[in-house]
Amino acid sequence: AEVRDTHLAAKREAGAKADDLRARLKTLDGKK
């Protein structure tokens, strides 16, 4: 369960970072 929860947290963290990067890229693309 600990291993599963660790992987779940990693998935969530990577997903949140990816969403943030996509938003930043969208803003940068608009400025560009």
PDB file of all heavy atoms in Angstrom:
ATOM      1  N   ALA A   1       0.835  -1.199   0.000  1.00  0.00           N
ATOM      2  CA  ALA A   1       0.000   0.000   0.000  1.00  0.00           C
ATOM      3  C   ALA A   1       0.874   1.255   0.000  1.00  0.00           C
ATOM      4  O   ALA A   1       0.566   2.246  -0.678  1.00  0.00           O
ATOM      5  CB  ALA A   1      -0.928   0.004   1.218  1.00  0.00           C
ATOM      6  N   GLU A   2       1.982   1.202   0.766  1.00  0.00           N
ATOM      7  CA  GLU A   2       2.899   2.351   0.794  1.00  0.00           C
ATOM      8  C   GLU A   2       3.515   2.590  -0.588  1.00  0.00           C
ATOM      9  O   GLU A   2       3.625   3.734  -1.046  1.00  0.00           O
ATOM     10  CB  GLU A   2       3.992   2.107   1.840  1.00  0.00           C
ATOM     11  CG  GLU A   2       3.510   2.269   3.286  1.00  0.00           C
ATOM     12  CD  GLU A   2       4.652   2.138   4.285  1.00  0.00           C
ATOM     13  OE1 GLU A   2       5.750   1.698   3.867  1.00  0.00           O
ATOM     14  OE2 GLU A   2       4.449   2.477   5.452  1.00  0.00           O
ATOM     15  N   VAL A   3       3.930   1.482  -1.226  1.00  0.00           N
ATOM     16  CA  VAL A   3       4.506   1.601  -2.576  1.00  0.00           C
ATOM     17  C   VAL A   3       3.471   2.177  -3.534  1.00  0.00           C
ATOM     18  O   VAL A   3       3.749   3.075  -4.337  1.00  0.00           O
ATOM     19  CB  VAL A   3       5.005   0.224  -3.072  1.00  0.00           C
ATOM     20  CG1 VAL A   3       5.416   0.298  -4.543  1.00  0.00           C
ATOM     21  CG2 VAL A   3       6.178  -0.247  -2.229  1.00  0.00           C
ATOM     22  N   ARG A   4       2.246   1.637  -3.442  1.00  0.00           N
ATOM     23  CA  ARG A   4       1.167   2.122  -4.315  1.00  0.00           C
ATOM     24  C   ARG A   4       0.903   3.606  -4.097  1.00  0.00           C
ATOM     25  O   ARG A   4       0.796   4.387  -5.052  1.00  0.00           O
ATOM     26  CB  ARG A   4      -0.109   1.332  -4.044  1.00  0.00           C
ATOM     27  CG  ARG A   4      -1.306   1.768  -4.873  1.00  0.00           C
ATOM     28  CD  ARG A   4      -2.606   1.339  -4.230  1.00  0.00           C
ATOM     29  NE  ARG A   4      -2.766   1.944  -2.907  1.00  0.00           N
ATOM     30  CZ  ARG A   4      -3.761   1.672  -2.083  1.00  0.00           C
ATOM     31  NH1 ARG A   4      -4.684   0.779  -2.418  1.00  0.00           N
ATOM     32  NH2 ARG A   4      -3.851   2.257  -0.898  1.00  0.00           N
ATOM     33  N   ASP A   5       0.843   4.014  -2.844  1.00  0.00           N
ATOM     34  CA  ASP A   5       0.553   5.418  -2.534  1.00  0.00           C
ATOM     35  C   ASP A   5       1.697   6.333  -2.983  1.00  0.00           C
ATOM     36  O   ASP A   5       1.469   7.482  -3.411  1.00  0.00           O
ATOM     37  CB  ASP A   5       0.312   5.588  -1.028  1.00  0.00           C
ATOM     38  CG  ASP A   5      -0.980   4.900  -0.573  1.00  0.00           C
ATOM     39  OD1 ASP A   5      -1.800   4.571  -1.456  1.00  0.00           O
ATOM     40  OD2 ASP A   5      -1.135   4.680   0.642  1.00  0.00           O
ATOM     41  N   THR A   6       2.949   5.828  -2.899  1.00  0.00           N
ATOM     42  CA  THR A   6       4.098   6.612  -3.368  1.00  0.00           C
ATOM     43  C   THR A   6       4.002   6.857  -4.872  1.00  0.00           C
ATOM     44  O   THR A   6       4.210   7.979  -5.357  1.00  0.00           O
ATOM     45  CB  THR A   6       5.415   5.882  -3.042  1.00  0.00           C
ATOM     46  OG1 THR A   6       5.523   5.719  -1.621  1.00  0.00           O
ATOM     47  CG2 THR A   6       6.619   6.671  -3.569  1.00  0.00           C
ATOM     48  N   HIS A   7       3.668   5.796  -5.617  1.00  0.00           N
ATOM     49  CA  HIS A   7       3.527   5.928  -7.063  1.00  0.00           C
ATOM     50  C   HIS A   7       2.343   6.829  -7.426  1.00  0.00           C
ATOM     51  O   HIS A   7       2.405   7.583  -8.399  1.00  0.00           O
ATOM     52  CB  HIS A   7       3.365   4.557  -7.721  1.00  0.00           C
ATOM     53  CG  HIS A   7       4.602   3.717  -7.663  1.00  0.00           C
ATOM     54  ND1 HIS A   7       5.864   4.229  -7.803  1.00  0.00           N
ATOM     55  CD2 HIS A   7       4.768   2.374  -7.467  1.00  0.00           C
ATOM     56  CE1 HIS A   7       6.755   3.264  -7.708  1.00  0.00           C
ATOM     57  NE2 HIS A   7       6.122   2.130  -7.494  1.00  0.00           N
ATOM     58  N   LEU A   8       1.283   6.736  -6.637  1.00  0.00           N
ATOM     59  CA  LEU A   8       0.121   7.586  -6.877  1.00  0.00           C
ATOM     60  C   LEU A   8       0.482   9.052  -6.660  1.00  0.00           C
ATOM     61  O   LEU A   8       0.099   9.929  -7.457  1.00  0.00           O
ATOM     62  CB  LEU A   8      -1.026   7.180  -5.940  1.00  0.00           C
ATOM     63  CG  LEU A   8      -2.308   8.018  -6.038  1.00  0.00           C
ATOM     64  CD1 LEU A   8      -2.892   7.938  -7.443  1.00  0.00           C
ATOM     65  CD2 LEU A   8      -3.334   7.565  -5.012  1.00  0.00           C
ATOM     66  N   ALA A   9       1.244   9.323  -5.585  1.00  0.00           N
ATOM     67  CA  ALA A   9       1.676  10.697  -5.314  1.00  0.00           C
ATOM     68  C   ALA A   9       2.585  11.215  -6.435  1.00  0.00           C
ATOM     69  O   ALA A   9       2.477  12.374  -6.862  1.00  0.00           O
ATOM     70  CB  ALA A   9       2.403  10.764  -3.964  1.00  0.00           C
ATOM     71  N   ALA A  10       3.483  10.332  -6.930  1.00  0.00           N
ATOM     72  CA  ALA A  10       4.380  10.731  -8.018  1.00  0.00           C
ATOM     73  C   ALA A  10       3.584  11.046  -9.282  1.00  0.00           C
ATOM     74  O   ALA A  10       3.884  12.002 -10.001  1.00  0.00           O
ATOM     75  CB  ALA A  10       5.381   9.614  -8.293  1.00  0.00           C
ATOM     76  N   LYS A  11       2.562  10.234  -9.542  1.00  0.00           N
ATOM     77  CA  LYS A  11       1.712  10.458 -10.711  1.00  0.00           C
ATOM     78  C   LYS A  11       0.988  11.798 -10.599  1.00  0.00           C
ATOM     79  O   LYS A  11       0.922  12.572 -11.552  1.00  0.00           O
ATOM     80  CB  LYS A  11       0.706   9.320 -10.857  1.00  0.00           C
ATOM     81  CG  LYS A  11      -0.328   9.528 -11.963  1.00  0.00           C
ATOM     82  CD  LYS A  11      -1.302   8.378 -11.985  1.00  0.00           C
ATOM     83  CE  LYS A  11      -2.460   8.670 -12.928  1.00  0.00           C
ATOM     84  NZ  LYS A  11      -3.315   9.770 -12.460  1.00  0.00           N
ATOM     85  N   ARG A  12       0.448  12.061  -9.414  1.00  0.00           N
ATOM     86  CA  ARG A  12      -0.277  13.311  -9.197  1.00  0.00           C
ATOM     87  C   ARG A  12       0.653  14.520  -9.327  1.00  0.00           C
ATOM     88  O   ARG A  12       0.297  15.534  -9.934  1.00  0.00           O
ATOM     89  CB  ARG A  12      -0.936  13.298  -7.816  1.00  0.00           C
ATOM     90  CG  ARG A  12      -2.170  12.401  -7.734  1.00  0.00           C
ATOM     91  CD  ARG A  12      -2.657  12.302  -6.317  1.00  0.00           C
ATOM     92  NE  ARG A  12      -3.890  11.512  -6.218  1.00  0.00           N
ATOM     93  CZ  ARG A  12      -4.384  11.047  -5.084  1.00  0.00           C
ATOM     94  NH1 ARG A  12      -3.761  11.300  -3.936  1.00  0.00           N
ATOM     95  NH2 ARG A  12      -5.499  10.339  -5.089  1.00  0.00           N
ATOM     96  N   GLU A  13       1.855  14.399  -8.756  1.00  0.00           N
ATOM     97  CA  GLU A  13       2.812  15.506  -8.805  1.00  0.00           C
ATOM     98  C   GLU A  13       3.238  15.791 -10.248  1.00  0.00           C
ATOM     99  O   GLU A  13       3.278  16.947 -10.686  1.00  0.00           O
ATOM    100  CB  GLU A  13       4.044  15.168  -7.963  1.00  0.00           C
ATOM    101  CG  GLU A  13       5.074  16.289  -7.910  1.00  0.00           C
ATOM    102  CD  GLU A  13       6.298  15.919  -7.072  1.00  0.00           C
ATOM    103  OE1 GLU A  13       6.285  14.846  -6.448  1.00  0.00           O
ATOM    104  OE2 GLU A  13       7.245  16.718  -7.061  1.00  0.00           O
ATOM    105  N   ALA A  14       3.546  14.713 -10.989  1.00  0.00           N
ATOM    106  CA  ALA A  14       3.945  14.887 -12.391  1.00  0.00           C
ATOM    107  C   ALA A  14       2.792  15.458 -13.209  1.00  0.00           C
ATOM    108  O   ALA A  14       2.993  16.319 -14.078  1.00  0.00           O
ATOM    109  CB  ALA A  14       4.396  13.549 -12.977  1.00  0.00           C
ATOM    110  N   GLY A  15       1.577  14.987 -12.936  1.00  0.00           N
ATOM    111  CA  GLY A  15       0.412  15.496 -13.663  1.00  0.00           C
ATOM    112  C   GLY A  15       0.178  16.979 -13.402  1.00  0.00           C
ATOM    113  O   GLY A  15      -0.105  17.744 -14.325  1.00  0.00           O
ATOM    114  N   ALA A  16       0.327  17.374 -12.121  1.00  0.00           N
ATOM    115  CA  ALA A  16       0.135  18.784 -11.765  1.00  0.00           C
ATOM    116  C   ALA A  16       1.218  19.656 -12.415  1.00  0.00           C
ATOM    117  O   ALA A  16       0.932  20.748 -12.924  1.00  0.00           O
ATOM    118  CB  ALA A  16       0.178  18.954 -10.246  1.00  0.00           C
ATOM    119  N   LYS A  17       2.455  19.142 -12.429  1.00  0.00           N
ATOM    120  CA  LYS A  17       3.544  19.890 -13.052  1.00  0.00           C
ATOM    121  C   LYS A  17       3.322  20.015 -14.550  1.00  0.00           C
ATOM    122  O   LYS A  17       3.580  21.070 -15.143  1.00  0.00           O
ATOM    123  CB  LYS A  17       4.880  19.207 -12.769  1.00  0.00           C
ATOM    124  CG  LYS A  17       6.085  20.057 -13.134  1.00  0.00           C
ATOM    125  CD  LYS A  17       7.377  19.433 -12.653  1.00  0.00           C
ATOM    126  CE  LYS A  17       8.569  20.328 -12.982  1.00  0.00           C
ATOM    127  NZ  LYS A  17       9.841  19.720 -12.526  1.00  0.00           N
ATOM    128  N   ALA A  18       2.846  18.930 -15.164  1.00  0.00           N
ATOM    129  CA  ALA A  18       2.574  18.957 -16.602  1.00  0.00           C
ATOM    130  C   ALA A  18       1.475  19.972 -16.918  1.00  0.00           C
ATOM    131  O   ALA A  18       1.569  20.723 -17.900  1.00  0.00           O
ATOM    132  CB  ALA A  18       2.167  17.565 -17.086  1.00  0.00           C
ATOM    133  N   ASP A  19       0.431  19.999 -16.085  1.00  0.00           N
ATOM    134  CA  ASP A  19      -0.650  20.970 -16.304  1.00  0.00           C
ATOM    135  C   ASP A  19      -0.133  22.404 -16.183  1.00  0.00           C
ATOM    136  O   ASP A  19      -0.508  23.279 -16.978  1.00  0.00           O
ATOM    137  CB  ASP A  19      -1.773  20.738 -15.283  1.00  0.00           C
ATOM    138  CG  ASP A  19      -2.537  19.443 -15.549  1.00  0.00           C
ATOM    139  OD1 ASP A  19      -2.446  18.935 -16.686  1.00  0.00           O
ATOM    140  OD2 ASP A  19      -3.210  18.958 -14.634  1.00  0.00           O
ATOM    141  N   ASP A  20       0.740  22.633 -15.194  1.00  0.00           N
ATOM    142  CA  ASP A  20       1.310  23.967 -15.006  1.00  0.00           C
ATOM    143  C   ASP A  20       2.175  24.359 -16.200  1.00  0.00           C
ATOM    144  O   ASP A  20       2.101  25.495 -16.690  1.00  0.00           O
ATOM    145  CB  ASP A  20       2.142  23.984 -13.722  1.00  0.00           C
ATOM    146  CG  ASP A  20       2.786  25.352 -13.469  1.00  0.00           C
ATOM    147  OD1 ASP A  20       2.038  26.344 -13.366  1.00  0.00           O
ATOM    148  OD2 ASP A  20       4.021  25.421 -13.393  1.00  0.00           O
ATOM    149  N   LEU A  21       2.975  23.407 -16.696  1.00  0.00           N
ATOM    150  CA  LEU A  21       3.829  23.680 -17.847  1.00  0.00           C
ATOM    151  C   LEU A  21       3.001  23.970 -19.093  1.00  0.00           C
ATOM    152  O   LEU A  21       3.328  24.856 -19.879  1.00  0.00           O
ATOM    153  CB  LEU A  21       4.753  22.489 -18.099  1.00  0.00           C
ATOM    154  CG  LEU A  21       6.030  22.442 -17.253  1.00  0.00           C
ATOM    155  CD1 LEU A  21       6.721  21.094 -17.409  1.00  0.00           C
ATOM    156  CD2 LEU A  21       6.972  23.559 -17.637  1.00  0.00           C
ATOM    157  N   ARG A  22       1.920  23.217 -19.274  1.00  0.00           N
ATOM    158  CA  ARG A  22       1.054  23.453 -20.443  1.00  0.00           C
ATOM    159  C   ARG A  22       0.455  24.864 -20.389  1.00  0.00           C
ATOM    160  O   ARG A  22       0.352  25.544 -21.419  1.00  0.00           O
ATOM    161  CB  ARG A  22      -0.050  22.402 -20.494  1.00  0.00           C
ATOM    162  CG  ARG A  22       0.450  21.006 -20.851  1.00  0.00           C
ATOM    163  CD  ARG A  22      -0.696  20.031 -21.074  1.00  0.00           C
ATOM    164  NE  ARG A  22      -0.199  18.659 -21.147  1.00  0.00           N
ATOM    165  CZ  ARG A  22      -0.259  17.786 -20.155  1.00  0.00           C
ATOM    166  NH1 ARG A  22      -0.826  18.139 -19.001  1.00  0.00           N
ATOM    167  NH2 ARG A  22       0.221  16.577 -20.306  1.00  0.00           N
ATOM    168  N   ALA A  23       0.051  25.280 -19.193  1.00  0.00           N
ATOM    169  CA  ALA A  23      -0.512  26.630 -19.042  1.00  0.00           C
ATOM    170  C   ALA A  23       0.550  27.692 -19.345  1.00  0.00           C
ATOM    171  O   ALA A  23       0.278  28.684 -20.033  1.00  0.00           O
ATOM    172  CB  ALA A  23      -1.050  26.810 -17.616  1.00  0.00           C
ATOM    173  N   ARG A  24       1.780  27.462 -18.857  1.00  0.00           N
ATOM    174  CA  ARG A  24       2.865  28.406 -19.121  1.00  0.00           C
ATOM    175  C   ARG A  24       3.196  28.464 -20.604  1.00  0.00           C
ATOM    176  O   ARG A  24       3.430  29.540 -21.163  1.00  0.00           O
ATOM    177  CB  ARG A  24       4.102  28.005 -18.325  1.00  0.00           C
ATOM    178  CG  ARG A  24       4.057  28.416 -16.847  1.00  0.00           C
ATOM    179  CD  ARG A  24       5.145  27.760 -16.045  1.00  0.00           C
ATOM    180  NE  ARG A  24       6.463  27.924 -16.674  1.00  0.00           N
ATOM    181  CZ  ARG A  24       7.527  27.184 -16.352  1.00  0.00           C
ATOM    182  NH1 ARG A  24       7.419  26.242 -15.428  1.00  0.00           N
ATOM    183  NH2 ARG A  24       8.686  27.391 -16.956  1.00  0.00           N
ATOM    184  N   LEU A  25       3.219  27.300 -21.236  1.00  0.00           N
ATOM    185  CA  LEU A  25       3.516  27.257 -22.667  1.00  0.00           C
ATOM    186  C   LEU A  25       2.443  27.983 -23.474  1.00  0.00           C
ATOM    187  O   LEU A  25       2.742  28.659 -24.460  1.00  0.00           O
ATOM    188  CB  LEU A  25       3.622  25.796 -23.142  1.00  0.00           C
ATOM    189  CG  LEU A  25       4.932  25.084 -22.809  1.00  0.00           C
ATOM    190  CD1 LEU A  25       4.850  23.615 -23.213  1.00  0.00           C
ATOM    191  CD2 LEU A  25       6.105  25.743 -23.499  1.00  0.00           C
ATOM    192  N   LYS A  26       1.204  27.843 -23.047  1.00  0.00           N
ATOM    193  CA  LYS A  26       0.113  28.526 -23.737  1.00  0.00           C
ATOM    194  C   LYS A  26       0.292  30.042 -23.634  1.00  0.00           C
ATOM    195  O   LYS A  26       0.103  30.776 -24.621  1.00  0.00           O
ATOM    196  CB  LYS A  26      -1.237  28.108 -23.135  1.00  0.00           C
ATOM    197  CG  LYS A  26      -2.436  28.620 -23.898  1.00  0.00           C
ATOM    198  CD  LYS A  26      -3.726  28.083 -23.313  1.00  0.00           C
ATOM    199  CE  LYS A  26      -4.940  28.599 -24.095  1.00  0.00           C
ATOM    200  NZ  LYS A  26      -6.217  28.089 -23.519  1.00  0.00           N
ATOM    201  N   THR A  27       0.669  30.506 -22.436  1.00  0.00           N
ATOM    202  CA  THR A  27       0.907  31.943 -22.239  1.00  0.00           C
ATOM    203  C   THR A  27       2.096  32.422 -23.075  1.00  0.00           C
ATOM    204  O   THR A  27       2.034  33.455 -23.738  1.00  0.00           O
ATOM    205  CB  THR A  27       1.174  32.234 -20.751  1.00  0.00           C
ATOM    206  OG1 THR A  27       0.045  31.801 -19.974  1.00  0.00           O
ATOM    207  CG2 THR A  27       1.401  33.711 -20.512  1.00  0.00           C
ATOM    208  N   LEU A  28       3.196  31.635 -23.043  1.00  0.00           N
ATOM    209  CA  LEU A  28       4.382  31.989 -23.816  1.00  0.00           C
ATOM    210  C   LEU A  28       4.090  32.003 -25.312  1.00  0.00           C
ATOM    211  O   LEU A  28       4.550  32.880 -26.038  1.00  0.00           O
ATOM    212  CB  LEU A  28       5.510  30.992 -23.529  1.00  0.00           C
ATOM    213  CG  LEU A  28       6.329  31.222 -22.263  1.00  0.00           C
ATOM    214  CD1 LEU A  28       7.275  30.043 -22.022  1.00  0.00           C
ATOM    215  CD2 LEU A  28       7.126  32.513 -22.340  1.00  0.00           C
ATOM    216  N   ASP A  29       3.305  31.033 -25.747  1.00  0.00           N
ATOM    217  CA  ASP A  29       2.969  30.960 -27.172  1.00  0.00           C
ATOM    218  C   ASP A  29       2.160  32.192 -27.586  1.00  0.00           C
ATOM    219  O   ASP A  29       2.371  32.749 -28.667  1.00  0.00           O
ATOM    220  CB  ASP A  29       2.176  29.681 -27.456  1.00  0.00           C
ATOM    221  CG  ASP A  29       1.983  29.446 -28.945  1.00  0.00           C
ATOM    222  OD1 ASP A  29       2.966  29.547 -29.695  1.00  0.00           O
ATOM    223  OD2 ASP A  29       0.846  29.175 -29.366  1.00  0.00           O
ATOM    224  N   GLY A  30       1.235  32.605 -26.713  1.00  0.00           N
ATOM    225  CA  GLY A  30       0.449  33.812 -26.999  1.00  0.00           C
ATOM    226  C   GLY A  30       1.334  35.044 -27.084  1.00  0.00           C
ATOM    227  O   GLY A  30       1.187  35.866 -27.997  1.00  0.00           O
ATOM    228  N   LYS A  31       2.284  35.169 -26.150  1.00  0.00           N
ATOM    229  CA  LYS A  31       3.206  36.310 -26.169  1.00  0.00           C
ATOM    230  C   LYS A  31       4.094  36.264 -27.410  1.00  0.00           C
ATOM    231  O   LYS A  31       4.382  37.293 -28.024  1.00  0.00           O
ATOM    232  CB  LYS A  31       4.071  36.307 -24.912  1.00  0.00           C
ATOM    233  CG  LYS A  31       3.313  36.659 -23.636  1.00  0.00           C
ATOM    234  CD  LYS A  31       4.243  36.655 -22.436  1.00  0.00           C
ATOM    235  CE  LYS A  31       3.507  37.046 -21.153  1.00  0.00           C
ATOM    236  NZ  LYS A  31       4.400  37.009 -19.971  1.00  0.00           N
ATOM    237  N   LYS A  32       4.544  35.052 -27.759  1.00  0.00           N
ATOM    238  CA  LYS A  32       5.410  34.889 -28.931  1.00  0.00           C
ATOM    239  C   LYS A  32       4.677  35.311 -30.200  1.00  0.00           C
ATOM    240  O   LYS A  32       5.223  36.027 -31.040  1.00  0.00           O
ATOM    241  CB  LYS A  32       5.854  33.426 -29.030  1.00  0.00           C
ATOM    242  CG  LYS A  32       6.728  33.099 -30.238  1.00  0.00           C
ATOM    243  CD  LYS A  32       7.284  31.692 -30.137  1.00  0.00           C
ATOM    244  CE  LYS A  32       6.215  30.642 -30.335  1.00  0.00           C
ATOM    245  NZ  LYS A  32       5.764  30.549 -31.732  1.00  0.00           N
TER     246      LYS A  32
END
